[in-house]
Amino acid sequence: MAALGRDFDGIVAANALVAVDDEHDPEGASTAFERAHVAALMARAGEHLEELDRAVERLERHEYGQCESCGETIAPERLEIRPAATTCIRCARISPAG
């Protein structure tokens, strides 16, 4: 997140040095896209960090690795790939948000 923040700040700072008109300057559109892209990456990284924080809370409550839907154990292979997973594979297929 820190690296993305530096990238975003660099894009903003570079644009502050130049009078950019996003609508009419051909470079403005790509600059606006870069800024929006980095902002979206930062938002997703923040969401992922929150998911990991909730996983740590489950770990502290001794609930980590238990499916929140059916109560069964989440396969270690799934947790290795997706440490913040809250559902087993079977329940995730039923409800893709897990």
N, C-alpha and C. Protein backbone atom coordinates (compact mmCIF):
# COMPACT_ATOMS: atom_id res chain seq x y z
N MET A 1 0.83 -1.19 0.00
CA MET A 1 0.00 0.00 0.00
C MET A 1 0.87 1.25 0.00
N ALA A 2 1.99 1.18 0.71
CA ALA A 2 2.88 2.34 0.75
C ALA A 2 3.43 2.65 -0.65
N ALA A 3 3.80 1.60 -1.39
CA ALA A 3 4.32 1.81 -2.74
C ALA A 3 3.26 2.39 -3.66
N LEU A 4 2.02 1.89 -3.53
CA LEU A 4 0.94 2.44 -4.34
C LEU A 4 0.68 3.90 -3.97
N GLY A 5 0.76 4.20 -2.69
CA GLY A 5 0.58 5.58 -2.24
C GLY A 5 1.64 6.50 -2.83
N ARG A 6 2.88 6.01 -2.87
CA ARG A 6 3.95 6.80 -3.47
C ARG A 6 3.71 6.99 -4.97
N ASP A 7 3.26 5.93 -5.65
CA ASP A 7 2.95 6.05 -7.08
C ASP A 7 1.87 7.09 -7.31
N PHE A 8 0.81 7.01 -6.51
CA PHE A 8 -0.31 7.96 -6.65
C PHE A 8 0.19 9.38 -6.40
N ASP A 9 0.95 9.57 -5.33
CA ASP A 9 1.48 10.91 -5.02
C ASP A 9 2.37 11.41 -6.15
N GLY A 10 3.16 10.52 -6.74
CA GLY A 10 4.02 10.90 -7.86
C GLY A 10 3.23 11.34 -9.08
N ILE A 11 2.14 10.65 -9.36
CA ILE A 11 1.29 11.03 -10.50
C ILE A 11 0.66 12.39 -10.25
N VAL A 12 0.15 12.59 -9.04
CA VAL A 12 -0.47 13.87 -8.70
C VAL A 12 0.55 14.99 -8.75
N ALA A 13 1.76 14.75 -8.20
CA ALA A 13 2.80 15.78 -8.19
C ALA A 13 3.25 16.11 -9.61
N ALA A 14 3.38 15.11 -10.46
CA ALA A 14 3.79 15.36 -11.84
C ALA A 14 2.75 16.19 -12.57
N ASN A 15 1.48 15.94 -12.28
CA ASN A 15 0.42 16.70 -12.93
C ASN A 15 0.35 18.12 -12.41
N ALA A 16 0.77 18.35 -11.18
CA ALA A 16 0.74 19.68 -10.61
C ALA A 16 1.75 20.59 -11.29
N LEU A 17 2.81 20.00 -11.85
CA LEU A 17 3.85 20.78 -12.51
C LEU A 17 3.45 21.19 -13.93
N VAL A 18 2.44 20.54 -14.47
CA VAL A 18 2.02 20.78 -15.84
C VAL A 18 0.53 21.10 -15.84
N ALA A 19 0.16 22.07 -16.64
CA ALA A 19 -1.26 22.39 -16.77
C ALA A 19 -1.90 21.33 -17.65
N VAL A 20 -2.56 20.34 -17.03
CA VAL A 20 -3.15 19.23 -17.77
C VAL A 20 -4.65 19.46 -17.90
N ASP A 21 -5.12 19.40 -19.12
CA ASP A 21 -6.55 19.47 -19.41
C ASP A 21 -6.96 18.08 -19.85
N ASP A 22 -7.53 17.29 -18.92
CA ASP A 22 -7.86 15.89 -19.21
C ASP A 22 -8.76 15.73 -20.43
N GLU A 23 -9.60 16.71 -20.71
CA GLU A 23 -10.53 16.57 -21.83
C GLU A 23 -9.88 16.80 -23.18
N HIS A 24 -8.91 17.72 -23.24
CA HIS A 24 -8.39 18.10 -24.54
C HIS A 24 -6.93 17.71 -24.78
N ASP A 25 -6.20 17.46 -23.74
CA ASP A 25 -4.80 17.07 -23.88
C ASP A 25 -4.72 15.56 -24.06
N PRO A 26 -4.10 15.07 -25.15
CA PRO A 26 -4.02 13.62 -25.36
C PRO A 26 -3.30 12.91 -24.22
N GLU A 27 -2.36 13.56 -23.56
CA GLU A 27 -1.67 12.97 -22.43
C GLU A 27 -2.55 12.99 -21.18
N GLY A 28 -3.47 13.91 -21.10
CA GLY A 28 -4.33 14.04 -19.92
C GLY A 28 -5.18 12.81 -19.68
N ALA A 29 -5.67 12.20 -20.75
CA ALA A 29 -6.51 11.01 -20.59
C ALA A 29 -5.72 9.86 -19.99
N SER A 30 -4.49 9.66 -20.44
CA SER A 30 -3.69 8.57 -19.88
C SER A 30 -3.29 8.86 -18.45
N THR A 31 -3.05 10.13 -18.12
CA THR A 31 -2.72 10.51 -16.76
C THR A 31 -3.91 10.27 -15.84
N ALA A 32 -5.09 10.64 -16.30
CA ALA A 32 -6.31 10.41 -15.51
C ALA A 32 -6.53 8.92 -15.31
N PHE A 33 -6.28 8.14 -16.36
CA PHE A 33 -6.42 6.69 -16.24
C PHE A 33 -5.44 6.13 -15.22
N GLU A 34 -4.17 6.56 -15.31
CA GLU A 34 -3.17 6.08 -14.35
C GLU A 34 -3.58 6.41 -12.92
N ARG A 35 -4.04 7.62 -12.71
CA ARG A 35 -4.46 8.05 -11.37
C ARG A 35 -5.62 7.20 -10.89
N ALA A 36 -6.61 6.97 -11.73
CA ALA A 36 -7.77 6.16 -11.35
C ALA A 36 -7.37 4.70 -11.12
N HIS A 37 -6.46 4.20 -11.96
CA HIS A 37 -6.01 2.81 -11.82
C HIS A 37 -5.29 2.61 -10.49
N VAL A 38 -4.38 3.50 -10.15
CA VAL A 38 -3.64 3.37 -8.89
C VAL A 38 -4.60 3.54 -7.71
N ALA A 39 -5.56 4.45 -7.82
CA ALA A 39 -6.54 4.64 -6.74
C ALA A 39 -7.36 3.36 -6.54
N ALA A 40 -7.74 2.69 -7.63
CA ALA A 40 -8.50 1.44 -7.53
C ALA A 40 -7.64 0.34 -6.91
N LEU A 41 -6.36 0.26 -7.28
CA LEU A 41 -5.46 -0.72 -6.68
C LEU A 41 -5.29 -0.46 -5.19
N MET A 42 -5.21 0.81 -4.80
CA MET A 42 -5.09 1.15 -3.38
C MET A 42 -6.35 0.74 -2.62
N ALA A 43 -7.51 0.96 -3.21
CA ALA A 43 -8.77 0.58 -2.56
C ALA A 43 -8.83 -0.93 -2.37
N ARG A 44 -8.46 -1.68 -3.39
CA ARG A 44 -8.49 -3.14 -3.29
C ARG A 44 -7.48 -3.64 -2.26
N ALA A 45 -6.30 -3.03 -2.22
CA ALA A 45 -5.30 -3.42 -1.23
C ALA A 45 -5.81 -3.14 0.18
N GLY A 46 -6.52 -2.03 0.36
CA GLY A 46 -7.12 -1.72 1.66
C GLY A 46 -8.16 -2.74 2.06
N GLU A 47 -8.99 -3.16 1.10
CA GLU A 47 -10.00 -4.18 1.37
C GLU A 47 -9.33 -5.50 1.76
N HIS A 48 -8.26 -5.85 1.05
CA HIS A 48 -7.54 -7.10 1.33
C HIS A 48 -6.93 -7.05 2.74
N LEU A 49 -6.38 -5.90 3.10
CA LEU A 49 -5.81 -5.74 4.43
C LEU A 49 -6.88 -5.90 5.51
N GLU A 50 -8.07 -5.35 5.27
CA GLU A 50 -9.18 -5.52 6.22
C GLU A 50 -9.58 -6.99 6.34
N GLU A 51 -9.60 -7.71 5.22
CA GLU A 51 -9.92 -9.14 5.24
C GLU A 51 -8.90 -9.90 6.08
N LEU A 52 -7.63 -9.55 5.93
CA LEU A 52 -6.58 -10.21 6.71
C LEU A 52 -6.69 -9.86 8.19
N ASP A 53 -7.06 -8.62 8.50
CA ASP A 53 -7.27 -8.23 9.90
C ASP A 53 -8.40 -9.06 10.53
N ARG A 54 -9.47 -9.27 9.77
CA ARG A 54 -10.57 -10.10 10.28
C ARG A 54 -10.12 -11.55 10.45
N ALA A 55 -9.24 -12.03 9.58
CA ALA A 55 -8.70 -13.39 9.71
C ALA A 55 -7.88 -13.51 11.00
N VAL A 56 -7.11 -12.49 11.31
CA VAL A 56 -6.33 -12.49 12.56
C VAL A 56 -7.26 -12.51 13.76
N GLU A 57 -8.36 -11.76 13.68
CA GLU A 57 -9.35 -11.77 14.77
C GLU A 57 -9.94 -13.17 14.95
N ARG A 58 -10.24 -13.86 13.83
CA ARG A 58 -10.75 -15.23 13.92
C ARG A 58 -9.70 -16.16 14.53
N LEU A 59 -8.45 -15.93 14.18
CA LEU A 59 -7.36 -16.73 14.74
C LEU A 59 -7.30 -16.55 16.25
N GLU A 60 -7.41 -15.31 16.71
CA GLU A 60 -7.37 -15.02 18.15
C GLU A 60 -8.56 -15.65 18.89
N ARG A 61 -9.71 -15.78 18.22
CA ARG A 61 -10.89 -16.40 18.82
C ARG A 61 -10.90 -17.91 18.63
N HIS A 62 -9.84 -18.44 18.03
CA HIS A 62 -9.72 -19.89 17.74
C HIS A 62 -10.81 -20.34 16.78
N GLU A 63 -11.19 -19.46 15.86
CA GLU A 63 -12.21 -19.78 14.85
C GLU A 63 -11.62 -19.78 13.44
N TYR A 64 -10.32 -19.49 13.33
CA TYR A 64 -9.69 -19.44 12.02
C TYR A 64 -9.70 -20.83 11.40
N GLY A 65 -10.05 -20.91 10.13
CA GLY A 65 -10.05 -22.18 9.43
C GLY A 65 -11.36 -22.93 9.51
N GLN A 66 -12.36 -22.33 10.19
CA GLN A 66 -13.69 -22.93 10.24
C GLN A 66 -14.59 -22.18 9.27
N CYS A 67 -15.34 -22.92 8.49
CA CYS A 67 -16.26 -22.32 7.53
C CYS A 67 -17.37 -21.60 8.28
N GLU A 68 -17.58 -20.34 7.94
CA GLU A 68 -18.63 -19.56 8.59
C GLU A 68 -20.03 -19.99 8.17
N SER A 69 -20.12 -20.74 7.09
CA SER A 69 -21.44 -21.19 6.62
C SER A 69 -21.85 -22.53 7.23
N CYS A 70 -20.96 -23.52 7.12
CA CYS A 70 -21.34 -24.87 7.56
C CYS A 70 -20.60 -25.33 8.81
N GLY A 71 -19.55 -24.62 9.22
CA GLY A 71 -18.81 -24.98 10.42
C GLY A 71 -17.72 -26.01 10.20
N GLU A 72 -17.62 -26.56 9.00
CA GLU A 72 -16.58 -27.55 8.69
C GLU A 72 -15.22 -26.86 8.59
N THR A 73 -14.18 -27.66 8.60
CA THR A 73 -12.82 -27.15 8.47
C THR A 73 -12.56 -26.73 7.02
N ILE A 74 -11.94 -25.57 6.86
CA ILE A 74 -11.53 -25.10 5.54
C ILE A 74 -10.21 -25.80 5.22
N ALA A 75 -10.12 -26.36 4.04
CA ALA A 75 -8.91 -27.10 3.63
C ALA A 75 -7.67 -26.22 3.75
N PRO A 76 -6.60 -26.77 4.33
CA PRO A 76 -5.35 -26.00 4.47
C PRO A 76 -4.84 -25.46 3.13
N GLU A 77 -5.06 -26.21 2.05
CA GLU A 77 -4.62 -25.74 0.72
C GLU A 77 -5.36 -24.46 0.33
N ARG A 78 -6.64 -24.38 0.68
CA ARG A 78 -7.43 -23.17 0.38
C ARG A 78 -6.91 -22.00 1.20
N LEU A 79 -6.63 -22.25 2.48
CA LEU A 79 -6.14 -21.17 3.34
C LEU A 79 -4.74 -20.72 2.93
N GLU A 80 -3.95 -21.65 2.39
CA GLU A 80 -2.62 -21.28 1.91
C GLU A 80 -2.72 -20.31 0.74
N ILE A 81 -3.67 -20.58 -0.15
CA ILE A 81 -3.86 -19.73 -1.33
C ILE A 81 -4.63 -18.46 -0.98
N ARG A 82 -5.61 -18.60 -0.09
CA ARG A 82 -6.47 -17.47 0.28
C ARG A 82 -6.60 -17.42 1.81
N PRO A 83 -5.60 -16.84 2.49
CA PRO A 83 -5.58 -16.86 3.95
C PRO A 83 -6.79 -16.22 4.62
N ALA A 84 -7.47 -15.32 3.93
CA ALA A 84 -8.62 -14.64 4.52
C ALA A 84 -9.94 -15.36 4.22
N ALA A 85 -9.87 -16.55 3.61
CA ALA A 85 -11.09 -17.28 3.26
C ALA A 85 -11.94 -17.52 4.50
N THR A 86 -13.25 -17.34 4.34
CA THR A 86 -14.18 -17.55 5.46
C THR A 86 -15.08 -18.75 5.24
N THR A 87 -14.99 -19.36 4.05
CA THR A 87 -15.84 -20.51 3.74
C THR A 87 -15.01 -21.62 3.12
N CYS A 88 -15.51 -22.84 3.29
CA CYS A 88 -14.89 -23.98 2.63
C CYS A 88 -15.20 -23.90 1.13
N ILE A 89 -14.56 -24.73 0.36
CA ILE A 89 -14.75 -24.69 -1.09
C ILE A 89 -16.20 -25.00 -1.46
N ARG A 90 -16.80 -25.99 -0.78
CA ARG A 90 -18.18 -26.35 -1.10
C ARG A 90 -19.12 -25.15 -0.89
N CYS A 91 -19.00 -24.47 0.25
CA CYS A 91 -19.87 -23.33 0.53
C CYS A 91 -19.53 -22.14 -0.37
N ALA A 92 -18.26 -21.99 -0.73
CA ALA A 92 -17.86 -20.90 -1.63
C ALA A 92 -18.49 -21.08 -3.00
N ARG A 93 -18.67 -22.33 -3.43
CA ARG A 93 -19.32 -22.58 -4.73
C ARG A 93 -20.79 -22.17 -4.68
N ILE A 94 -21.40 -22.34 -3.52
CA ILE A 94 -22.80 -21.96 -3.35
C ILE A 94 -22.94 -20.45 -3.29
N SER A 95 -22.03 -19.80 -2.55
CA SER A 95 -22.05 -18.36 -2.38
C SER A 95 -20.68 -17.80 -2.75
N PRO A 96 -20.48 -17.33 -3.99
CA PRO A 96 -19.17 -16.93 -4.48
C PRO A 96 -18.49 -15.83 -3.66
N ALA A 97 -19.21 -15.13 -2.80
CA ALA A 97 -18.60 -14.06 -2.01
C ALA A 97 -17.65 -14.61 -0.96
N GLY A 98 -17.72 -15.91 -0.63
CA GLY A 98 -16.89 -16.49 0.43
C GLY A 98 -15.54 -16.81 -0.06
